[in-house]
Protein backbone atom coordinates (compact mmCIF):
# COMPACT_ATOMS: atom_id res chain seq x y z
CA MET A 1 109.52 76.82 129.83
CA ILE A 2 113.13 77.90 129.34
CA VAL A 3 113.03 80.79 131.55
CA THR A 4 112.49 80.17 135.22
CA GLN A 5 116.01 78.73 135.35
CA LEU A 6 117.47 81.78 133.63
CA LEU A 7 117.02 84.68 136.01
CA SER A 8 120.77 85.07 136.33
CA LEU A 9 121.39 85.17 132.57
CA ALA A 10 120.06 88.70 132.18
CA LEU A 11 122.68 89.83 134.67
CA ILE A 12 125.56 88.42 132.64
CA SER A 13 124.39 89.77 129.28
CA SER A 14 126.72 92.32 127.73
CA ALA A 15 125.59 95.93 127.72
CA GLN A 16 124.42 96.00 124.13
CA ASP A 17 122.24 92.93 124.75
CA ALA A 18 120.39 94.44 127.70
CA PHE A 19 116.66 94.95 127.38
CA VAL A 20 115.81 98.29 125.81
CA LYS A 21 112.52 100.14 125.54
CA LEU A 22 110.69 98.71 122.57
CA PRO A 23 109.28 101.04 119.92
CA THR A 24 105.55 101.08 120.51
CA ILE A 25 103.26 101.82 117.62
CA LYS A 26 99.88 103.40 118.28
CA ASP A 27 97.43 102.88 115.45
CA THR A 28 96.08 106.36 114.76
CA GLN A 29 94.66 105.35 111.39
CA PRO A 30 92.41 102.32 110.81
CA MET A 31 94.19 99.49 109.07
CA PRO A 32 93.02 99.48 105.44
CA ALA A 33 90.76 96.58 104.51
CA GLU A 34 93.16 95.26 101.86
CA LEU A 35 95.75 94.83 104.64
CA SER A 36 93.50 94.05 107.61
CA GLN A 37 92.24 90.77 106.15
CA TYR A 38 95.72 89.27 106.46
CA PHE A 39 95.89 90.10 110.18
CA GLU A 40 93.02 87.77 111.09
CA THR A 41 93.74 84.12 111.77
CA PRO A 42 91.67 82.09 109.30
CA ASN A 43 88.85 80.11 110.89
CA GLU A 44 90.61 76.85 110.05
CA TRP A 45 93.58 77.78 112.25
CA ARG A 46 91.98 79.95 114.92
CA GLY A 47 92.83 78.68 118.39
CA ASP A 48 95.16 76.04 116.94
CA TYR A 49 98.56 76.20 118.66
CA GLY A 50 99.95 73.03 117.15
CA ASN A 51 102.53 71.12 119.17
CA TYR A 52 104.44 74.26 120.11
CA ARG A 53 104.73 74.90 123.82
CA SER A 54 103.39 78.33 124.74
CA PRO A 55 106.01 80.94 125.72
CA LEU A 56 103.51 81.98 128.41
CA HIS A 57 103.66 78.55 130.11
CA LEU A 58 106.62 78.13 132.44
CA VAL A 59 108.31 74.85 133.34
CA ASP A 60 107.11 75.11 136.95
CA GLY A 61 103.50 75.06 135.77
CA LYS A 62 102.87 78.78 136.17
CA ILE A 63 101.18 80.74 133.41
CA ILE A 64 102.03 84.37 132.66
CA THR A 65 98.90 86.45 132.90
CA ASP A 66 100.08 90.07 133.09
CA LYS A 67 102.36 92.46 131.24
CA LYS A 68 104.86 92.94 134.07
CA ASN A 69 105.62 89.24 134.31
CA TRP A 70 105.90 89.00 130.53
CA ASP A 71 108.43 91.85 130.48
CA THR A 72 110.59 89.86 132.90
CA GLU A 73 110.06 86.66 130.97
CA ARG A 74 110.94 88.37 127.72
CA GLN A 75 114.27 89.56 129.10
CA ASN A 76 115.08 86.06 130.28
CA LEU A 77 113.99 84.54 126.98
CA ARG A 78 116.23 86.86 125.02
CA ALA A 79 119.12 86.14 127.39
CA TRP A 80 118.54 82.42 126.81
CA TRP A 81 118.66 82.88 123.03
CA MET A 82 121.85 84.91 123.24
CA LYS A 83 123.45 82.22 125.39
CA GLN A 84 122.49 79.57 122.83
CA LEU A 85 123.54 81.63 119.80
CA GLY A 86 126.65 83.25 121.28
CA GLN A 87 126.96 86.76 122.66
CA TRP A 88 127.32 89.51 120.10
CA PRO A 89 130.41 91.70 119.98
CA PRO A 90 129.85 95.33 121.02
CA LEU A 91 127.55 97.11 118.60
CA ILE A 92 128.93 99.81 116.33
CA THR A 93 126.66 102.58 117.56
CA ASN A 94 128.47 105.55 116.01
CA PRO A 95 129.14 104.28 112.48
CA THR A 96 131.22 105.99 109.84
CA LEU A 97 129.39 105.91 106.52
CA LYS A 98 131.57 106.35 103.45
CA ILE A 99 129.89 107.47 100.24
CA LEU A 100 131.63 105.76 97.35
CA GLU A 101 129.40 106.95 94.50
CA THR A 102 126.30 109.11 94.09
CA GLN A 103 123.67 109.00 91.37
CA HIS A 104 120.73 111.38 91.09
CA HIS A 105 117.45 109.94 89.86
CA GLN A 106 114.19 111.76 89.27
CA ASN A 107 112.70 111.08 92.70
CA HIS A 108 115.59 109.83 94.79
CA ILE A 109 119.33 109.87 95.36
CA GLU A 110 121.23 106.58 95.13
CA GLN A 111 124.45 106.33 97.11
CA ARG A 112 126.82 103.40 96.99
CA VAL A 113 128.16 103.28 100.54
CA SER A 114 130.42 101.31 102.82
CA PHE A 115 130.44 100.92 106.59
CA ARG A 116 131.77 98.55 109.21
CA TRP A 117 129.16 95.91 110.03
CA THR A 118 131.31 93.58 112.15
CA PRO A 119 134.33 94.38 114.29
CA HIS A 120 136.63 93.21 111.48
CA GLU A 121 134.68 93.68 108.25
CA THR A 122 133.20 96.43 106.15
CA THR A 123 130.41 95.95 103.67
CA VAL A 124 129.27 97.78 100.56
CA GLY A 125 125.59 98.52 100.06
CA TYR A 126 123.19 101.08 98.65
CA LEU A 127 121.45 103.94 100.41
CA LEU A 128 118.40 105.28 98.58
CA ILE A 129 117.01 108.62 99.76
CA PRO A 130 113.76 110.19 98.47
CA LYS A 131 114.05 113.82 97.41
CA THR A 132 111.79 115.19 100.14
CA GLN A 133 112.60 117.62 102.92
CA SER A 134 111.30 115.87 106.03
CA LYS A 135 112.39 113.15 108.44
CA LYS A 136 111.46 109.88 106.81
CA PRO A 137 110.72 106.31 107.79
CA ALA A 138 113.31 103.80 106.66
CA VAL A 139 113.73 100.11 105.90
CA VAL A 140 116.80 97.87 105.78
CA THR A 141 116.68 95.23 103.03
CA VAL A 142 118.82 92.08 103.29
CA PHE A 143 119.73 89.44 100.70
CA TYR A 144 122.62 87.51 99.16
CA GLU A 145 123.90 90.77 97.66
CA PRO A 146 122.63 94.37 97.74
CA GLU A 147 122.00 94.96 94.04
CA THR A 148 118.84 92.84 93.77
CA ALA A 149 116.86 94.98 96.21
CA ILE A 150 117.58 98.15 94.25
CA GLY A 151 116.23 96.60 91.06
CA ARG A 152 119.31 94.97 89.54
CA GLY A 153 118.50 91.31 90.03
CA LYS A 154 115.66 88.80 89.94
CA PRO A 155 112.17 90.31 89.61
CA ASN A 156 109.93 90.94 92.62
CA ARG A 157 112.84 91.10 95.02
CA ASP A 158 113.40 94.84 94.50
CA PHE A 159 112.12 95.84 97.93
CA ALA A 160 114.47 98.80 98.38
CA ILE A 161 113.63 100.72 95.22
CA GLN A 162 109.92 100.00 95.56
CA LEU A 163 109.86 101.31 99.12
CA THR A 164 111.95 104.34 98.21
CA ASN A 165 109.43 105.14 95.49
CA ARG A 166 106.86 105.17 98.32
CA GLY A 167 108.82 107.65 100.44
CA PHE A 168 111.13 105.45 102.52
CA VAL A 169 114.86 105.79 102.95
CA THR A 170 116.24 102.31 102.29
CA LEU A 171 119.58 100.66 102.99
CA SER A 172 120.23 97.55 100.90
CA ILE A 173 122.88 95.17 102.23
CA GLY A 174 123.99 91.64 101.38
CA THR A 175 126.72 89.06 101.87
CA SER A 176 128.25 89.45 98.40
CA GLU A 177 131.70 88.04 99.12
CA ALA A 178 130.40 85.13 101.20
CA THR A 179 127.83 84.34 98.52
CA LYS A 180 130.57 84.10 95.90
CA SER A 181 132.57 81.76 98.13
CA LYS A 182 129.39 79.77 99.01
CA THR A 183 129.86 80.37 102.73
CA TYR A 184 126.88 82.78 102.59
CA SER A 185 126.97 84.15 106.12
CA LEU A 186 129.15 85.99 108.65
CA TYR A 187 131.56 84.21 110.98
CA TYR A 188 132.97 85.73 114.13
CA PRO A 189 135.78 85.85 114.90
CA SER A 190 136.64 83.63 111.92
CA LEU A 191 135.21 81.05 109.52
CA GLU A 192 137.37 78.38 111.12
CA ASN A 193 136.32 79.14 114.71
CA ALA A 194 132.98 80.96 114.87
CA LYS A 195 131.80 81.72 118.41
CA VAL A 196 128.46 83.22 117.34
CA ALA A 197 125.92 81.28 115.29
CA PRO A 198 126.26 82.69 111.75
CA LEU A 199 122.55 83.49 111.48
CA SER A 200 122.75 85.46 114.73
CA MET A 201 125.85 87.22 113.41
CA LEU A 202 123.79 88.34 110.42
CA GLY A 203 121.34 89.76 112.95
CA TYR A 204 124.22 91.60 114.61
CA ALA A 205 125.26 93.09 111.26
CA ALA A 206 121.68 94.22 110.67
CA ALA A 207 121.66 95.85 114.11
CA ASN A 208 124.69 97.84 113.00
CA ALA A 209 122.88 98.70 109.76
CA TRP A 210 120.01 99.98 111.92
CA HIS A 211 122.49 102.39 113.52
CA VAL A 212 123.60 103.60 110.10
CA LEU A 213 120.04 104.64 109.35
CA ALA A 214 119.22 105.82 112.88
CA THR A 215 122.13 108.29 112.84
CA HIS A 216 121.29 109.62 109.36
CA ASP A 217 120.00 113.19 109.25
CA GLU A 218 117.01 112.33 107.07
CA VAL A 219 115.77 109.29 109.01
CA ASP A 220 113.34 109.10 111.92
CA SER A 221 115.12 106.58 114.14
CA GLU A 222 111.83 105.39 115.67
CA ARG A 223 110.48 104.35 112.27
CA ILE A 224 112.92 101.79 110.91
CA GLY A 225 111.84 98.37 109.67
CA ILE A 226 113.52 95.42 107.97
CA VAL A 227 112.55 93.06 105.14
CA GLY A 228 114.11 90.12 103.33
CA HIS A 229 113.17 87.12 101.19
CA SER A 230 114.22 83.48 101.67
CA PHE A 231 117.81 83.66 103.00
CA GLY A 232 117.03 87.32 103.57
CA GLY A 233 113.79 86.34 105.30
CA LYS A 234 115.70 84.25 107.84
CA TRP A 235 118.14 87.14 108.25
CA ALA A 236 115.34 89.69 108.74
CA MET A 237 113.58 87.41 111.23
CA PHE A 238 116.60 86.90 113.46
CA ALA A 239 117.61 90.56 113.18
CA SER A 240 114.21 91.95 114.13
CA CYS A 241 113.64 89.49 116.95
CA LEU A 242 117.09 89.95 118.49
CA TRP A 243 117.47 93.70 117.91
CA ASP A 244 114.65 95.45 119.72
CA ARG A 245 114.87 98.76 117.92
CA TYR A 246 113.46 97.53 114.63
CA ALA A 247 109.94 98.94 114.79
CA CYS A 248 108.43 96.26 112.54
CA ALA A 249 109.48 93.55 110.10
CA ALA A 250 108.39 91.59 107.03
CA TRP A 251 109.70 88.05 106.56
CA SER A 252 109.23 86.65 103.05
CA ASP A 253 109.00 82.84 103.03
CA PRO A 254 112.00 82.02 105.23
CA GLY A 255 110.44 79.01 106.88
CA ILE A 256 109.44 80.57 110.19
CA VAL A 257 109.74 77.31 112.16
CA PHE A 258 111.95 74.25 111.93
CA ASP A 259 110.80 71.78 109.28
CA GLU A 260 113.21 69.01 108.34
CA SER A 261 111.04 67.86 105.45
CA ARG A 262 111.70 71.06 103.50
CA PRO A 263 115.19 71.48 101.98
CA SER A 264 114.81 75.27 101.94
CA VAL A 265 113.88 75.49 105.64
CA ASN A 266 117.46 74.48 106.22
CA TYR A 267 118.41 75.99 109.55
CA TRP A 268 120.67 72.96 110.11
CA GLU A 269 123.17 74.15 107.49
CA PRO A 270 126.50 75.48 108.83
CA TRP A 271 125.81 79.06 107.63
CA TYR A 272 122.65 79.26 109.75
CA LEU A 273 122.36 77.38 113.07
CA GLY A 274 124.32 74.22 112.30
CA TYR A 275 127.81 75.71 112.33
CA HIS A 276 130.69 73.36 112.94
CA GLN A 277 134.34 73.72 112.11
CA PRO A 278 135.22 72.95 108.49
CA PRO A 279 135.14 70.71 106.57
CA TRP A 280 131.37 71.14 106.52
CA ARG A 281 128.68 68.51 106.11
CA LYS A 282 127.41 67.96 102.59
CA ARG A 283 124.61 70.39 101.84
CA GLY A 284 121.11 68.89 101.92
CA LEU A 285 118.49 67.23 104.08
CA ILE A 286 119.47 65.61 107.36
CA THR A 287 120.15 61.88 107.08
CA ALA A 288 121.89 59.29 109.25
CA GLU A 289 124.85 59.51 106.88
CA ASN A 290 124.76 63.31 106.78
CA PRO A 291 123.61 64.47 110.23
CA ALA A 292 123.11 68.02 111.46
CA GLN A 293 125.63 69.50 113.85
CA GLY A 294 126.02 72.62 115.96
CA ILE A 295 123.42 74.31 118.13
CA TYR A 296 120.66 73.23 115.75
CA THR A 297 120.90 69.72 117.18
CA SER A 298 120.72 70.91 120.79
CA LEU A 299 117.68 73.08 120.05
CA ARG A 300 115.91 70.14 118.42
CA ASN A 301 116.90 67.74 121.18
CA GLU A 302 115.41 70.14 123.73
CA ASN A 303 112.23 70.50 121.62
CA LYS A 304 112.77 74.23 121.18
CA ASP A 305 111.43 75.92 118.06
CA LEU A 306 111.45 79.36 116.49
CA HIS A 307 108.08 80.43 117.91
CA LEU A 308 110.18 81.14 121.02
CA LEU A 309 112.17 83.60 118.92
CA HIS A 310 109.03 85.19 117.41
CA ALA A 311 107.89 85.91 120.97
CA LEU A 312 110.56 88.61 121.20
CA MET A 313 108.78 90.64 118.48
CA ALA A 314 105.69 91.44 120.57
CA PRO A 315 104.20 94.01 120.44
CA ARG A 316 106.06 95.12 117.33
CA PRO A 317 104.18 94.30 114.09
CA VAL A 318 105.32 91.50 111.81
CA LEU A 319 104.11 90.28 108.42
CA VAL A 320 104.97 86.82 107.12
CA SER A 321 104.83 86.84 103.33
CA GLY A 322 104.37 83.11 103.02
CA GLY A 323 105.04 80.93 100.00
CA SER A 324 105.96 77.28 99.59
CA GLU A 325 108.00 77.23 102.83
CA ASP A 326 105.41 79.05 104.95
CA PRO A 327 101.96 77.67 104.14
CA PRO A 328 98.81 78.60 106.08
CA SER A 329 99.58 75.95 108.72
CA ARG A 330 102.24 78.32 110.07
CA TRP A 331 99.37 80.11 111.83
CA GLN A 332 99.84 77.44 114.51
CA ALA A 333 103.16 79.05 115.45
CA LEU A 334 101.99 82.62 114.86
CA ASN A 335 99.00 82.10 117.16
CA HIS A 336 101.43 81.99 120.07
CA LEU A 337 102.73 85.45 119.12
CA ILE A 338 99.16 86.69 118.79
CA GLN A 339 98.45 85.37 122.28
CA ILE A 340 101.33 87.44 123.68
CA ASN A 341 100.11 90.54 121.84
CA ASP A 342 96.64 89.94 123.29
CA LEU A 343 98.16 89.85 126.77
CA LEU A 344 99.89 93.17 126.07
CA GLY A 345 96.68 94.73 124.75
CA TYR A 346 97.51 94.87 121.03
CA GLU A 347 95.48 93.67 118.08
CA LYS A 348 96.41 93.09 114.45
CA ARG A 349 100.16 92.96 115.02
CA VAL A 350 100.70 89.56 113.36
CA GLY A 351 99.81 88.95 109.72
CA MET A 352 100.44 86.42 106.99
CA THR A 353 99.82 86.24 103.27
CA ASN A 354 100.11 83.00 101.31
CA ARG A 355 101.05 82.11 97.74
CA PRO A 356 101.70 78.69 96.21
CA LYS A 357 105.34 79.19 95.21
CA HIS A 358 108.47 80.39 96.93
CA ASP A 359 109.10 83.35 94.63
CA PRO A 360 107.53 86.65 95.66
CA THR A 361 104.84 88.08 93.40
CA ALA A 362 103.77 91.62 92.64
CA GLN A 363 100.62 90.95 94.66
CA SER A 364 102.40 89.56 97.74
CA ASN A 365 104.92 92.39 97.64
CA GLU A 366 102.18 95.01 97.47
CA ILE A 367 100.94 93.80 100.86
CA ILE A 368 104.48 94.16 102.23
CA TYR A 369 104.59 97.77 101.04
CA LYS A 370 101.15 98.53 102.48
CA PHE A 371 102.31 96.97 105.76
CA PHE A 372 105.27 99.33 106.02
CA GLU A 373 103.21 102.30 104.89
CA HIS A 374 100.61 101.64 107.56
CA PHE A 375 102.93 101.00 110.48
CA LEU A 376 105.83 103.34 109.66
CA LYS A 377 104.04 106.23 107.90
CA GLU A 378 100.46 106.30 109.16
CA SER A 379 100.85 105.30 112.82
CA ASP A 380 102.40 107.05 115.83
CA LEU A 381 105.32 105.55 117.70
CA HIS A 382 105.87 106.30 121.35
């Protein structure tokens, strides 16, 4: 695959991009039946790997058959992604969290907070803390702005408040200013000359948000997950795959692989993987008159797809909350991740639910909450 030519790339990665010990979850409690059913590939898709080339098959014809070789391959694969996407700036590992406002609710404390999430920018979000006296699991929620996840926006996108009601510390963040300006993402070092793919830069910001929670007195740093819907689903996917310390992740209908027939699976847009210097292409599907640009085109020309990014999650658990953009056929891509987990000796680490429409529902969200409860509250991490 990508990787046999990349042995030197791991050596040139910056310190914060070096391979770290992954959080490993040991299932001490059986997965409840209402959750377990979504962690079995349906018969229709079992053993179906689609047209995606296996991350376990190397370009020289060799096949990875043991954990040690996968560990090496994984490091090289991540180094390849970081070379394609652009190396992150140094992480902000000792963040300063400013509390701007505090509100006391019956079961939790709500703090409006600010912290630096890129070398040049601060963001404002919401930290919700249950009123209990123990170290708690935590989840970062990501979206266009932080208010929706705490219950002040569209229905069924209130992941933060729902999880806090279930005992999680949550940190809700979003790209409020960029959303207002319709640039949506983060651009480093500048909008006019971004050196890191904007979607990867969102992952970098979420890695810094992880540090905000990990250094908080009431959070167990080994039990931090991330969730997002649509734009936030893409953000959560790239963040959890590229930042190893997220213990698990839920991706709500982001479009988990490239699909140029779907206008919402739009990784080619400049605020995702199709960045080019302004003026930007007209928003919409790729056409001869309105082509894609940026690294999206090189990835497609090389026949690389996002299942190669998913591979970095193993063995950490992931749930795809699929809707119109992630139908059951996405099991073809997920089966490759399951195959890696099988190699590593882990079962039921890859799940997917499906609903007809893009919008989350109370039912699909309930599975997300049960997922986090099982893997961050009921299991042991080592």
